[in-house]
Amino acid sequence: MNVIIRSFAALTLVGGIFLVGGPYFLRSYGTGLLSYPLGGAGLVGVVPIVLGATILSWCALTFARLGKGTPAPFDPPKVLVASGLYRVARNPMYLGAELVLIGEATVFGSLATLIYAAALLLVFHLFLVSYEEPNLRRRFGVSYERYCEAVPRWVPRLVPQKRA
């Protein structure tokens, strides 16, 4: 199967579970006390949803085209990806996912979804430090170490890292 198709299939599966299924479950089962009415103002949440989905798609395409792999841990990029959005932050996919969740919390007036977004950010961080980063250090060695020194984990740089 083409690597671009595999990358978007992985993104759709994982995104569907965590970015659609999780918030839907929270809104559907007993979260009435954790809701707040925003009316039409909630539609401002569409902006972070679209921005986050765009970031996720861009990263999936970058992983496929440059990294020859997918965002899924079972089919990771074969080449270290340090281009595109990965020049301004090491984890733009996770940041894109957070934007989608914040947008959903706004659109649906769901404090439960906002709490879920915060909890998921903690899970992302723990996954990164305990599994993903050590794995990338083993796979890519010194080039990954240099990348970590040049590009921040979470807070995007305003000026992208210069290409080596």
C-alpha atoms as a PDB file:
ATOM      1  CA  MET A   1       0.000   0.000   0.000  1.00  0.00           C
ATOM      2  CA  ASN A   2       1.272   3.469  -0.846  1.00  0.00           C
ATOM      3  CA  VAL A   3       2.985   5.199   2.116  1.00  0.00           C
ATOM      4  CA  ILE A   4       0.782   8.307   1.749  1.00  0.00           C
ATOM      5  CA  ILE A   5      -2.377   6.182   1.968  1.00  0.00           C
ATOM      6  CA  ARG A   6      -0.955   4.294   4.979  1.00  0.00           C
ATOM      7  CA  SER A   7      -0.065   7.579   6.672  1.00  0.00           C
ATOM      8  CA  PHE A   8      -3.535   9.056   6.239  1.00  0.00           C
ATOM      9  CA  ALA A   9      -5.161   5.752   7.243  1.00  0.00           C
ATOM     10  CA  ALA A  10      -3.158   5.775  10.500  1.00  0.00           C
ATOM     11  CA  LEU A  11      -4.046   9.436  11.080  1.00  0.00           C
ATOM     12  CA  THR A  12      -7.735   8.742  10.436  1.00  0.00           C
ATOM     13  CA  LEU A  13      -7.787   5.731  12.780  1.00  0.00           C
ATOM     14  CA  VAL A  14      -5.963   7.402  15.670  1.00  0.00           C
ATOM     15  CA  GLY A  15      -7.631  10.783  15.114  1.00  0.00           C
ATOM     16  CA  GLY A  16     -11.031   9.122  14.908  1.00  0.00           C
ATOM     17  CA  ILE A  17     -10.545   7.438  18.260  1.00  0.00           C
ATOM     18  CA  PHE A  18      -8.964  10.281  20.229  1.00  0.00           C
ATOM     19  CA  LEU A  19     -10.273  13.410  18.501  1.00  0.00           C
ATOM     20  CA  VAL A  20     -13.783  12.313  17.564  1.00  0.00           C
ATOM     21  CA  GLY A  21     -14.692   9.272  19.671  1.00  0.00           C
ATOM     22  CA  GLY A  22     -13.341  10.519  23.001  1.00  0.00           C
ATOM     23  CA  PRO A  23     -15.038  13.932  22.895  1.00  0.00           C
ATOM     24  CA  TYR A  24     -18.279  12.393  21.549  1.00  0.00           C
ATOM     25  CA  PHE A  25     -18.334   9.908  24.424  1.00  0.00           C
ATOM     26  CA  LEU A  26     -17.761  12.714  26.943  1.00  0.00           C
ATOM     27  CA  ARG A  27     -20.561  14.846  25.483  1.00  0.00           C
ATOM     28  CA  SER A  28     -22.960  11.913  25.244  1.00  0.00           C
ATOM     29  CA  TYR A  29     -22.738  10.355  28.689  1.00  0.00           C
ATOM     30  CA  GLY A  30     -23.512  12.378  31.775  1.00  0.00           C
ATOM     31  CA  THR A  31     -21.487  15.525  31.214  1.00  0.00           C
ATOM     32  CA  GLY A  32     -24.382  17.979  31.412  1.00  0.00           C
ATOM     33  CA  LEU A  33     -22.890  19.556  34.525  1.00  0.00           C
ATOM     34  CA  LEU A  34     -19.633  20.137  32.627  1.00  0.00           C
ATOM     35  CA  SER A  35     -21.207  22.095  29.792  1.00  0.00           C
ATOM     36  CA  TYR A  36     -21.442  25.809  29.291  1.00  0.00           C
ATOM     37  CA  PRO A  37     -23.701  27.602  26.822  1.00  0.00           C
ATOM     38  CA  LEU A  38     -21.874  29.748  24.284  1.00  0.00           C
ATOM     39  CA  GLY A  39     -24.544  29.988  21.631  1.00  0.00           C
ATOM     40  CA  GLY A  40     -23.257  31.238  18.286  1.00  0.00           C
ATOM     41  CA  ALA A  41     -20.011  32.430  19.896  1.00  0.00           C
ATOM     42  CA  GLY A  42     -18.966  28.790  20.149  1.00  0.00           C
ATOM     43  CA  LEU A  43     -18.494  28.731  16.399  1.00  0.00           C
ATOM     44  CA  VAL A  44     -15.172  30.508  16.936  1.00  0.00           C
ATOM     45  CA  GLY A  45     -13.974  27.006  17.874  1.00  0.00           C
ATOM     46  CA  VAL A  46     -14.115  26.045  14.202  1.00  0.00           C
ATOM     47  CA  VAL A  47     -10.886  28.037  13.672  1.00  0.00           C
ATOM     48  CA  PRO A  48      -8.665  25.863  15.930  1.00  0.00           C
ATOM     49  CA  ILE A  49     -10.356  22.716  14.581  1.00  0.00           C
ATOM     50  CA  VAL A  50      -9.497  23.631  10.992  1.00  0.00           C
ATOM     51  CA  LEU A  51      -5.994  24.787  11.958  1.00  0.00           C
ATOM     52  CA  GLY A  52      -5.367  21.609  13.974  1.00  0.00           C
ATOM     53  CA  ALA A  53      -6.691  19.335  11.205  1.00  0.00           C
ATOM     54  CA  THR A  54      -4.493  21.162   8.691  1.00  0.00           C
ATOM     55  CA  ILE A  55      -1.431  20.658  10.913  1.00  0.00           C
ATOM     56  CA  LEU A  56      -2.240  16.963  11.354  1.00  0.00           C
ATOM     57  CA  SER A  57      -2.660  16.460   7.600  1.00  0.00           C
ATOM     58  CA  TRP A  58       0.509  18.387   6.765  1.00  0.00           C
ATOM     59  CA  CYS A  59       2.505  16.317   9.265  1.00  0.00           C
ATOM     60  CA  ALA A  60       1.076  13.017   8.001  1.00  0.00           C
ATOM     61  CA  LEU A  61       2.036  14.000   4.456  1.00  0.00           C
ATOM     62  CA  THR A  62       5.514  15.067   5.608  1.00  0.00           C
ATOM     63  CA  PHE A  63       6.006  11.726   7.389  1.00  0.00           C
ATOM     64  CA  ALA A  64       4.973   9.860   4.252  1.00  0.00           C
ATOM     65  CA  ARG A  65       6.912  11.885   1.679  1.00  0.00           C
ATOM     66  CA  LEU A  66      10.120  12.647   3.571  1.00  0.00           C
ATOM     67  CA  GLY A  67      10.158  10.049   6.351  1.00  0.00           C
ATOM     68  CA  LYS A  68       8.844   7.130   4.263  1.00  0.00           C
ATOM     69  CA  GLY A  69       6.550   6.123   7.117  1.00  0.00           C
ATOM     70  CA  THR A  70       3.420   7.043   9.049  1.00  0.00           C
ATOM     71  CA  PRO A  71       2.492   8.719  12.353  1.00  0.00           C
ATOM     72  CA  ALA A  72       1.673   5.272  13.800  1.00  0.00           C
ATOM     73  CA  PRO A  73       4.234   3.798  16.237  1.00  0.00           C
ATOM     74  CA  PHE A  74       3.940   0.426  14.429  1.00  0.00           C
ATOM     75  CA  ASP A  75       4.890   1.993  11.040  1.00  0.00           C
ATOM     76  CA  PRO A  76       7.159   4.946  11.930  1.00  0.00           C
ATOM     77  CA  PRO A  77       9.179   7.070   9.495  1.00  0.00           C
ATOM     78  CA  LYS A  78      12.375   5.407   8.295  1.00  0.00           C
ATOM     79  CA  VAL A  79      14.159   8.772   8.056  1.00  0.00           C
ATOM     80  CA  LEU A  80      14.337  11.474  10.744  1.00  0.00           C
ATOM     81  CA  VAL A  81      11.823  14.170   9.777  1.00  0.00           C
ATOM     82  CA  ALA A  82      13.147  17.638  10.619  1.00  0.00           C
ATOM     83  CA  SER A  83      11.486  19.651   7.840  1.00  0.00           C
ATOM     84  CA  GLY A  84       8.270  21.600   7.465  1.00  0.00           C
ATOM     85  CA  LEU A  85       6.502  22.099  10.774  1.00  0.00           C
ATOM     86  CA  TYR A  86       9.112  19.869  12.409  1.00  0.00           C
ATOM     87  CA  ARG A  87      11.568  22.758  12.035  1.00  0.00           C
ATOM     88  CA  VAL A  88       9.569  24.901  14.500  1.00  0.00           C
ATOM     89  CA  ALA A  89       8.509  22.254  17.063  1.00  0.00           C
ATOM     90  CA  ARG A  90       9.398  18.605  17.568  1.00  0.00           C
ATOM     91  CA  ASN A  91       5.796  17.526  18.089  1.00  0.00           C
ATOM     92  CA  PRO A  92       3.485  19.504  15.816  1.00  0.00           C
ATOM     93  CA  MET A  93       1.093  16.570  15.403  1.00  0.00           C
ATOM     94  CA  TYR A  94       0.331  16.535  19.113  1.00  0.00           C
ATOM     95  CA  LEU A  95      -0.097  20.310  19.054  1.00  0.00           C
ATOM     96  CA  GLY A  96      -2.489  19.970  16.097  1.00  0.00           C
ATOM     97  CA  ALA A  97      -4.494  17.365  18.015  1.00  0.00           C
ATOM     98  CA  GLU A  98      -4.710  19.699  21.009  1.00  0.00           C
ATOM     99  CA  LEU A  99      -5.992  22.515  18.786  1.00  0.00           C
ATOM    100  CA  VAL A 100      -8.732  20.231  17.445  1.00  0.00           C
ATOM    101  CA  LEU A 101      -9.802  19.304  20.992  1.00  0.00           C
ATOM    102  CA  ILE A 102      -9.782  22.910  22.203  1.00  0.00           C
ATOM    103  CA  GLY A 103     -11.893  23.838  19.184  1.00  0.00           C
ATOM    104  CA  GLU A 104     -14.344  21.028  19.912  1.00  0.00           C
ATOM    105  CA  ALA A 105     -14.595  22.101  23.560  1.00  0.00           C
ATOM    106  CA  THR A 106     -15.432  25.607  22.354  1.00  0.00           C
ATOM    107  CA  VAL A 107     -17.928  24.595  19.657  1.00  0.00           C
ATOM    108  CA  PHE A 108     -19.797  22.226  21.975  1.00  0.00           C
ATOM    109  CA  GLY A 109     -19.378  24.235  25.172  1.00  0.00           C
ATOM    110  CA  SER A 110     -17.837  21.205  26.845  1.00  0.00           C
ATOM    111  CA  LEU A 111     -15.663  21.618  29.906  1.00  0.00           C
ATOM    112  CA  ALA A 112     -15.308  17.812  29.929  1.00  0.00           C
ATOM    113  CA  THR A 113     -13.655  17.970  26.485  1.00  0.00           C
ATOM    114  CA  LEU A 114     -11.325  20.722  27.688  1.00  0.00           C
ATOM    115  CA  ILE A 115     -10.324  18.597  30.698  1.00  0.00           C
ATOM    116  CA  TYR A 116      -9.859  15.639  28.330  1.00  0.00           C
ATOM    117  CA  ALA A 117      -7.555  17.796  26.150  1.00  0.00           C
ATOM    118  CA  ALA A 118      -5.443  18.684  29.192  1.00  0.00           C
ATOM    119  CA  ALA A 119      -5.283  15.042  30.319  1.00  0.00           C
ATOM    120  CA  LEU A 120      -4.358  13.918  26.813  1.00  0.00           C
ATOM    121  CA  LEU A 121      -1.564  16.510  26.681  1.00  0.00           C
ATOM    122  CA  LEU A 122      -0.132  14.950  29.850  1.00  0.00           C
ATOM    123  CA  VAL A 123      -0.431  11.476  28.279  1.00  0.00           C
ATOM    124  CA  PHE A 124       1.298  12.752  25.111  1.00  0.00           C
ATOM    125  CA  HIS A 125       4.130  14.195  27.186  1.00  0.00           C
ATOM    126  CA  LEU A 126       4.616  11.008  29.215  1.00  0.00           C
ATOM    127  CA  PHE A 127       4.537   8.900  26.020  1.00  0.00           C
ATOM    128  CA  LEU A 128       7.137  11.180  24.425  1.00  0.00           C
ATOM    129  CA  VAL A 129       9.565  11.130  27.314  1.00  0.00           C
ATOM    130  CA  SER A 130       9.208   7.461  28.222  1.00  0.00           C
ATOM    131  CA  TYR A 131       8.916   5.841  24.770  1.00  0.00           C
ATOM    132  CA  GLU A 132       9.099   8.006  21.669  1.00  0.00           C
ATOM    133  CA  GLU A 133      12.188  10.120  22.394  1.00  0.00           C
ATOM    134  CA  PRO A 134      14.316   7.217  23.713  1.00  0.00           C
ATOM    135  CA  ASN A 135      13.288   5.199  20.652  1.00  0.00           C
ATOM    136  CA  LEU A 136      14.237   8.048  18.297  1.00  0.00           C
ATOM    137  CA  ARG A 137      17.583   8.437  20.091  1.00  0.00           C
ATOM    138  CA  ARG A 138      18.311   4.730  19.511  1.00  0.00           C
ATOM    139  CA  ARG A 139      17.215   4.856  15.863  1.00  0.00           C
ATOM    140  CA  PHE A 140      18.778   8.142  14.757  1.00  0.00           C
ATOM    141  CA  GLY A 141      21.580   8.738  17.291  1.00  0.00           C
ATOM    142  CA  VAL A 142      23.567  11.964  17.015  1.00  0.00           C
ATOM    143  CA  SER A 143      21.341  13.478  14.324  1.00  0.00           C
ATOM    144  CA  TYR A 144      18.346  13.225  16.679  1.00  0.00           C
ATOM    145  CA  GLU A 145      20.380  14.699  19.563  1.00  0.00           C
ATOM    146  CA  ARG A 146      21.309  17.687  17.389  1.00  0.00           C
ATOM    147  CA  TYR A 147      17.694  18.047  16.340  1.00  0.00           C
ATOM    148  CA  CYS A 148      16.575  18.096  19.999  1.00  0.00           C
ATOM    149  CA  GLU A 149      19.129  20.795  20.791  1.00  0.00           C
ATOM    150  CA  ALA A 150      17.935  22.962  17.894  1.00  0.00           C
ATOM    151  CA  VAL A 151      14.145  22.509  18.064  1.00  0.00           C
ATOM    152  CA  PRO A 152      11.946  22.771  21.189  1.00  0.00           C
ATOM    153  CA  ARG A 153       9.689  19.888  22.210  1.00  0.00           C
ATOM    154  CA  TRP A 154       6.452  21.863  22.705  1.00  0.00           C
ATOM    155  CA  VAL A 155       6.620  25.625  22.295  1.00  0.00           C
ATOM    156  CA  PRO A 156       7.070  26.394  18.581  1.00  0.00           C
ATOM    157  CA  ARG A 157       9.942  28.646  17.572  1.00  0.00           C
ATOM    158  CA  LEU A 158       8.955  31.886  15.924  1.00  0.00           C
ATOM    159  CA  VAL A 159      11.916  31.524  13.577  1.00  0.00           C
ATOM    160  CA  PRO A 160      12.403  28.012  12.149  1.00  0.00           C
ATOM    161  CA  GLN A 161      15.659  26.150  12.635  1.00  0.00           C
ATOM    162  CA  LYS A 162      18.085  26.745   9.776  1.00  0.00           C
ATOM    163  CA  ARG A 163      18.612  23.719   7.583  1.00  0.00           C
ATOM    164  CA  ALA A 164      21.957  22.020   7.991  1.00  0.00           C
END
